[in-house]
Amino acid sequence: MKLTTKTGSIVKELSFIISPPPHIRSDVFVLKDDVHYLLGHPFPGRYSTAHISLFKYKDEHLEDIIRYVEAKAVYMTPFNIFVKNLAAFHHGKHYRTIYLDVINKYPIRDIFEKLVREDSHYTPHITIAPMLSLQDFDKCWPHLEDLPYSQHFLCDRITVLARGDGHWMHYRDIMLGED
């Protein structure tokens, strides 16, 4: 049996994420607006919704991975995620990603490792502007690097997004710690 989205298209890929509450999603949208204004042009990911990526899955056994995550999530306890200030990833010499930093990475990394595998390079974060050229990064970073930001939210679920023909859409939530 093939999974379908609410619009009836066949699901080709799933993305497992942690979705922050509306007030943080709104803050991220404003920060993306600021980057757009500072750059004077749009950038990749400009209109993507704020989230913390866990993993993507593209295979014919989509139902199996959902059941697998549900079975693991039962043993995971809800926890608070603390987000503080902006930071940047350096991708070689020529690209930078601006993101909101997650202070308590361990509980998210623990979810990732229980679902996927151990990976010391996995860094939980909320992307603001991915893969900016060095020139674009240098235009906006001086205005953003010292911007104070501090929020927290309860992580009590893993959100599953589905991609059929085109955009990602909410498919379902998998609650943590529920039998």
C-alpha atoms as a PDB file:
ATOM      1  CA  MET A   1       0.000   0.000   0.000  1.00  0.00           C
ATOM      2  CA  LYS A   2       1.346   3.411  -1.012  1.00  0.00           C
ATOM      3  CA  LEU A   3       1.189   6.372   1.359  1.00  0.00           C
ATOM      4  CA  THR A   4      -0.627   9.415   0.043  1.00  0.00           C
ATOM      5  CA  THR A   5      -0.682  13.049   1.150  1.00  0.00           C
ATOM      6  CA  LYS A   6      -3.868  14.885   2.128  1.00  0.00           C
ATOM      7  CA  THR A   7      -4.031  16.173  -1.443  1.00  0.00           C
ATOM      8  CA  GLY A   8      -3.928  12.609  -2.793  1.00  0.00           C
ATOM      9  CA  SER A   9      -0.427  12.606  -4.298  1.00  0.00           C
ATOM     10  CA  ILE A  10       1.736   9.554  -3.676  1.00  0.00           C
ATOM     11  CA  VAL A  11       4.376  10.118  -0.979  1.00  0.00           C
ATOM     12  CA  LYS A  12       7.881   9.774  -2.370  1.00  0.00           C
ATOM     13  CA  GLU A  13       9.893  10.890   0.654  1.00  0.00           C
ATOM     14  CA  LEU A  14       9.443  11.533   4.383  1.00  0.00           C
ATOM     15  CA  SER A  15      11.244  14.049   6.561  1.00  0.00           C
ATOM     16  CA  PHE A  16      11.352  13.592  10.334  1.00  0.00           C
ATOM     17  CA  ILE A  17      11.740  16.903  12.166  1.00  0.00           C
ATOM     18  CA  ILE A  18      11.195  18.696  15.449  1.00  0.00           C
ATOM     19  CA  SER A  19       8.859  21.604  14.850  1.00  0.00           C
ATOM     20  CA  PRO A  20       9.072  24.621  17.155  1.00  0.00           C
ATOM     21  CA  PRO A  21       5.884  26.398  18.273  1.00  0.00           C
ATOM     22  CA  PRO A  22       4.323  29.273  16.284  1.00  0.00           C
ATOM     23  CA  HIS A  23       6.090  32.098  18.163  1.00  0.00           C
ATOM     24  CA  ILE A  24       9.534  30.687  17.296  1.00  0.00           C
ATOM     25  CA  ARG A  25       8.499  29.931  13.699  1.00  0.00           C
ATOM     26  CA  SER A  26       7.402  33.588  13.485  1.00  0.00           C
ATOM     27  CA  ASP A  27      10.745  34.792  14.896  1.00  0.00           C
ATOM     28  CA  VAL A  28      12.584  32.712  12.290  1.00  0.00           C
ATOM     29  CA  PHE A  29      10.430  34.171   9.517  1.00  0.00           C
ATOM     30  CA  VAL A  30      11.348  37.696  10.724  1.00  0.00           C
ATOM     31  CA  LEU A  31      15.057  36.761  10.794  1.00  0.00           C
ATOM     32  CA  LYS A  32      14.781  35.412   7.233  1.00  0.00           C
ATOM     33  CA  ASP A  33      13.093  38.715   6.289  1.00  0.00           C
ATOM     34  CA  ASP A  34      16.047  40.584   7.791  1.00  0.00           C
ATOM     35  CA  VAL A  35      18.560  38.513   5.796  1.00  0.00           C
ATOM     36  CA  HIS A  36      16.541  39.096   2.605  1.00  0.00           C
ATOM     37  CA  TYR A  37      16.502  42.854   3.286  1.00  0.00           C
ATOM     38  CA  LEU A  38      20.232  42.978   4.067  1.00  0.00           C
ATOM     39  CA  LEU A  39      21.131  40.982   0.952  1.00  0.00           C
ATOM     40  CA  GLY A  40      18.724  42.786  -1.345  1.00  0.00           C
ATOM     41  CA  HIS A  41      17.699  39.496  -2.961  1.00  0.00           C
ATOM     42  CA  PRO A  42      16.056  36.180  -2.012  1.00  0.00           C
ATOM     43  CA  PHE A  43      18.174  33.208  -0.952  1.00  0.00           C
ATOM     44  CA  PRO A  44      17.668  29.416  -0.892  1.00  0.00           C
ATOM     45  CA  GLY A  45      15.421  28.379   1.983  1.00  0.00           C
ATOM     46  CA  ARG A  46      13.982  31.899   2.267  1.00  0.00           C
ATOM     47  CA  TYR A  47      10.427  30.591   2.721  1.00  0.00           C
ATOM     48  CA  SER A  48      11.116  27.272   4.442  1.00  0.00           C
ATOM     49  CA  THR A  49       9.386  26.786   7.793  1.00  0.00           C
ATOM     50  CA  ALA A  50      11.527  26.748  10.928  1.00  0.00           C
ATOM     51  CA  HIS A  51      12.439  23.232  12.108  1.00  0.00           C
ATOM     52  CA  ILE A  52      15.185  21.028  13.514  1.00  0.00           C
ATOM     53  CA  SER A  53      15.960  18.272  11.010  1.00  0.00           C
ATOM     54  CA  LEU A  54      16.352  14.722  12.245  1.00  0.00           C
ATOM     55  CA  PHE A  55      16.498  12.697   9.019  1.00  0.00           C
ATOM     56  CA  LYS A  56      14.893  12.091   5.620  1.00  0.00           C
ATOM     57  CA  TYR A  57      13.766   8.729   4.301  1.00  0.00           C
ATOM     58  CA  LYS A  58      13.256   7.819   0.653  1.00  0.00           C
ATOM     59  CA  ASP A  59      12.445   4.166   0.067  1.00  0.00           C
ATOM     60  CA  GLU A  60       9.477   1.995  -0.893  1.00  0.00           C
ATOM     61  CA  HIS A  61       8.995   0.951   2.770  1.00  0.00           C
ATOM     62  CA  LEU A  62       7.666   4.273   4.086  1.00  0.00           C
ATOM     63  CA  GLU A  63       5.098   2.634   6.393  1.00  0.00           C
ATOM     64  CA  ASP A  64       7.870   0.556   7.993  1.00  0.00           C
ATOM     65  CA  ILE A  65       9.970   3.589   8.933  1.00  0.00           C
ATOM     66  CA  ILE A  66       6.939   5.279  10.508  1.00  0.00           C
ATOM     67  CA  ARG A  67       6.222   2.166  12.587  1.00  0.00           C
ATOM     68  CA  TYR A  68       9.914   1.985  13.546  1.00  0.00           C
ATOM     69  CA  VAL A  69       9.954   5.628  14.748  1.00  0.00           C
ATOM     70  CA  GLU A  70       6.657   5.120  16.626  1.00  0.00           C
ATOM     71  CA  ALA A  71       8.094   2.072  18.410  1.00  0.00           C
ATOM     72  CA  LYS A  72      11.221   4.017  19.466  1.00  0.00           C
ATOM     73  CA  ALA A  73       9.328   7.230  20.418  1.00  0.00           C
ATOM     74  CA  VAL A  74       7.336   5.370  23.102  1.00  0.00           C
ATOM     75  CA  TYR A  75      10.550   5.163  25.165  1.00  0.00           C
ATOM     76  CA  MET A  76      11.556   8.818  24.674  1.00  0.00           C
ATOM     77  CA  THR A  77      10.639  11.417  27.290  1.00  0.00           C
ATOM     78  CA  PRO A  78       9.469  14.936  26.333  1.00  0.00           C
ATOM     79  CA  PHE A  79      12.051  17.634  27.131  1.00  0.00           C
ATOM     80  CA  ASN A  80      12.635  21.365  26.744  1.00  0.00           C
ATOM     81  CA  ILE A  81      14.733  22.687  23.870  1.00  0.00           C
ATOM     82  CA  PHE A  82      16.654  25.902  24.544  1.00  0.00           C
ATOM     83  CA  VAL A  83      17.469  28.103  21.554  1.00  0.00           C
ATOM     84  CA  LYS A  84      19.937  30.951  22.018  1.00  0.00           C
ATOM     85  CA  ASN A  85      21.546  33.420  19.619  1.00  0.00           C
ATOM     86  CA  LEU A  86      22.684  33.093  16.040  1.00  0.00           C
ATOM     87  CA  ALA A  87      25.736  31.199  14.843  1.00  0.00           C
ATOM     88  CA  ALA A  88      27.228  30.164  11.506  1.00  0.00           C
ATOM     89  CA  PHE A  89      28.446  26.965   9.915  1.00  0.00           C
ATOM     90  CA  HIS A  90      31.495  27.293   7.655  1.00  0.00           C
ATOM     91  CA  HIS A  91      31.246  25.103   4.553  1.00  0.00           C
ATOM     92  CA  GLY A  92      34.773  25.279   3.219  1.00  0.00           C
ATOM     93  CA  LYS A  93      36.123  28.652   2.123  1.00  0.00           C
ATOM     94  CA  HIS A  94      33.171  29.866   0.104  1.00  0.00           C
ATOM     95  CA  TYR A  95      29.844  29.187   1.864  1.00  0.00           C
ATOM     96  CA  ARG A  96      28.232  29.890   5.243  1.00  0.00           C
ATOM     97  CA  THR A  97      24.926  28.930   6.873  1.00  0.00           C
ATOM     98  CA  ILE A  98      23.335  31.206   9.478  1.00  0.00           C
ATOM     99  CA  TYR A  99      21.297  29.397  12.117  1.00  0.00           C
ATOM    100  CA  LEU A 100      19.719  29.657  15.559  1.00  0.00           C
ATOM    101  CA  ASP A 101      21.808  27.648  17.977  1.00  0.00           C
ATOM    102  CA  VAL A 102      20.324  24.906  20.144  1.00  0.00           C
ATOM    103  CA  ILE A 103      21.996  25.037  23.558  1.00  0.00           C
ATOM    104  CA  ASN A 104      21.022  21.577  24.846  1.00  0.00           C
ATOM    105  CA  LYS A 105      21.986  19.460  21.854  1.00  0.00           C
ATOM    106  CA  TYR A 106      22.307  16.153  23.727  1.00  0.00           C
ATOM    107  CA  PRO A 107      18.591  15.176  23.989  1.00  0.00           C
ATOM    108  CA  ILE A 108      18.072  15.881  20.271  1.00  0.00           C
ATOM    109  CA  ARG A 109      21.280  14.101  19.336  1.00  0.00           C
ATOM    110  CA  ASP A 110      20.047  11.170  21.456  1.00  0.00           C
ATOM    111  CA  ILE A 111      16.801  10.991  19.431  1.00  0.00           C
ATOM    112  CA  PHE A 112      18.810  11.154  16.203  1.00  0.00           C
ATOM    113  CA  GLU A 113      21.163   8.383  17.305  1.00  0.00           C
ATOM    114  CA  LYS A 114      18.305   6.130  18.494  1.00  0.00           C
ATOM    115  CA  LEU A 115      16.548   6.546  15.147  1.00  0.00           C
ATOM    116  CA  VAL A 116      19.420   6.732  12.690  1.00  0.00           C
ATOM    117  CA  ARG A 117      22.977   6.128  13.915  1.00  0.00           C
ATOM    118  CA  GLU A 118      25.741   7.688  15.940  1.00  0.00           C
ATOM    119  CA  ASP A 119      27.166  10.695  14.116  1.00  0.00           C
ATOM    120  CA  SER A 120      29.460  13.178  15.828  1.00  0.00           C
ATOM    121  CA  HIS A 121      28.854  15.677  13.002  1.00  0.00           C
ATOM    122  CA  TYR A 122      25.074  15.891  13.574  1.00  0.00           C
ATOM    123  CA  THR A 123      24.420  19.360  15.046  1.00  0.00           C
ATOM    124  CA  PRO A 124      20.829  20.238  15.975  1.00  0.00           C
ATOM    125  CA  HIS A 125      19.956  23.785  14.843  1.00  0.00           C
ATOM    126  CA  ILE A 126      17.264  25.912  13.195  1.00  0.00           C
ATOM    127  CA  THR A 127      18.465  27.170   9.820  1.00  0.00           C
ATOM    128  CA  ILE A 128      17.935  30.826   8.962  1.00  0.00           C
ATOM    129  CA  ALA A 129      19.936  31.193   5.721  1.00  0.00           C
ATOM    130  CA  PRO A 130      21.636  28.123   4.227  1.00  0.00           C
ATOM    131  CA  MET A 131      24.691  28.044   1.987  1.00  0.00           C
ATOM    132  CA  LEU A 132      25.192  31.784   1.542  1.00  0.00           C
ATOM    133  CA  SER A 133      28.093  32.838  -0.629  1.00  0.00           C
ATOM    134  CA  LEU A 134      30.897  34.408   1.373  1.00  0.00           C
ATOM    135  CA  GLN A 135      30.026  37.798  -0.166  1.00  0.00           C
ATOM    136  CA  ASP A 136      26.359  37.515   0.922  1.00  0.00           C
ATOM    137  CA  PHE A 137      27.344  36.240   4.357  1.00  0.00           C
ATOM    138  CA  ASP A 138      29.709  39.192   4.845  1.00  0.00           C
ATOM    139  CA  LYS A 139      26.865  41.592   3.932  1.00  0.00           C
ATOM    140  CA  CYS A 140      24.473  40.382   6.622  1.00  0.00           C
ATOM    141  CA  TRP A 141      26.471  38.679   9.397  1.00  0.00           C
ATOM    142  CA  PRO A 142      27.831  41.900  10.982  1.00  0.00           C
ATOM    143  CA  HIS A 143      24.210  43.011  11.533  1.00  0.00           C
ATOM    144  CA  LEU A 144      23.102  39.660  12.998  1.00  0.00           C
ATOM    145  CA  GLU A 145      25.993  38.126  14.929  1.00  0.00           C
ATOM    146  CA  ASP A 146      25.373  40.050  18.167  1.00  0.00           C
ATOM    147  CA  LEU A 147      21.583  39.973  18.002  1.00  0.00           C
ATOM    148  CA  PRO A 148      20.382  38.585  21.341  1.00  0.00           C
ATOM    149  CA  TYR A 149      17.872  35.753  21.078  1.00  0.00           C
ATOM    150  CA  SER A 150      16.662  33.328  23.724  1.00  0.00           C
ATOM    151  CA  GLN A 151      13.613  31.040  23.685  1.00  0.00           C
ATOM    152  CA  HIS A 152      12.668  27.544  24.763  1.00  0.00           C
ATOM    153  CA  PHE A 153       9.908  25.093  23.955  1.00  0.00           C
ATOM    154  CA  LEU A 154       8.687  21.645  24.896  1.00  0.00           C
ATOM    155  CA  CYS A 155       9.618  18.899  22.469  1.00  0.00           C
ATOM    156  CA  ASP A 156       6.923  16.268  22.924  1.00  0.00           C
ATOM    157  CA  ARG A 157       6.673  14.962  19.364  1.00  0.00           C
ATOM    158  CA  ILE A 158       8.465  14.154  16.150  1.00  0.00           C
ATOM    159  CA  THR A 159       6.740  15.705  13.156  1.00  0.00           C
ATOM    160  CA  VAL A 160       6.620  13.748   9.914  1.00  0.00           C
ATOM    161  CA  LEU A 161       6.522  15.717   6.675  1.00  0.00           C
ATOM    162  CA  ALA A 162       5.659  14.057   3.362  1.00  0.00           C
ATOM    163  CA  ARG A 163       6.771  15.073  -0.108  1.00  0.00           C
ATOM    164  CA  GLY A 164       4.740  13.870  -3.027  1.00  0.00           C
ATOM    165  CA  ASP A 165       4.668  16.025  -6.123  1.00  0.00           C
ATOM    166  CA  GLY A 166       6.456  19.159  -5.079  1.00  0.00           C
ATOM    167  CA  HIS A 167       6.289  20.715  -1.620  1.00  0.00           C
ATOM    168  CA  TRP A 168       6.653  19.210   1.822  1.00  0.00           C
ATOM    169  CA  MET A 169       3.443  19.012   3.864  1.00  0.00           C
ATOM    170  CA  HIS A 170       2.536  17.906   7.371  1.00  0.00           C
ATOM    171  CA  TYR A 171       1.777  14.185   7.361  1.00  0.00           C
ATOM    172  CA  ARG A 172       1.475  13.345  11.060  1.00  0.00           C
ATOM    173  CA  ASP A 173       2.971  13.753  14.531  1.00  0.00           C
ATOM    174  CA  ILE A 174       4.530  10.952  16.552  1.00  0.00           C
ATOM    175  CA  MET A 175       4.223  11.715  20.257  1.00  0.00           C
ATOM    176  CA  LEU A 176       7.114  10.986  22.624  1.00  0.00           C
ATOM    177  CA  GLY A 177       6.542   8.721  25.608  1.00  0.00           C
ATOM    178  CA  GLU A 178       3.052   7.516  24.699  1.00  0.00           C
ATOM    179  CA  ASP A 179       2.127   3.821  24.695  1.00  0.00           C
END
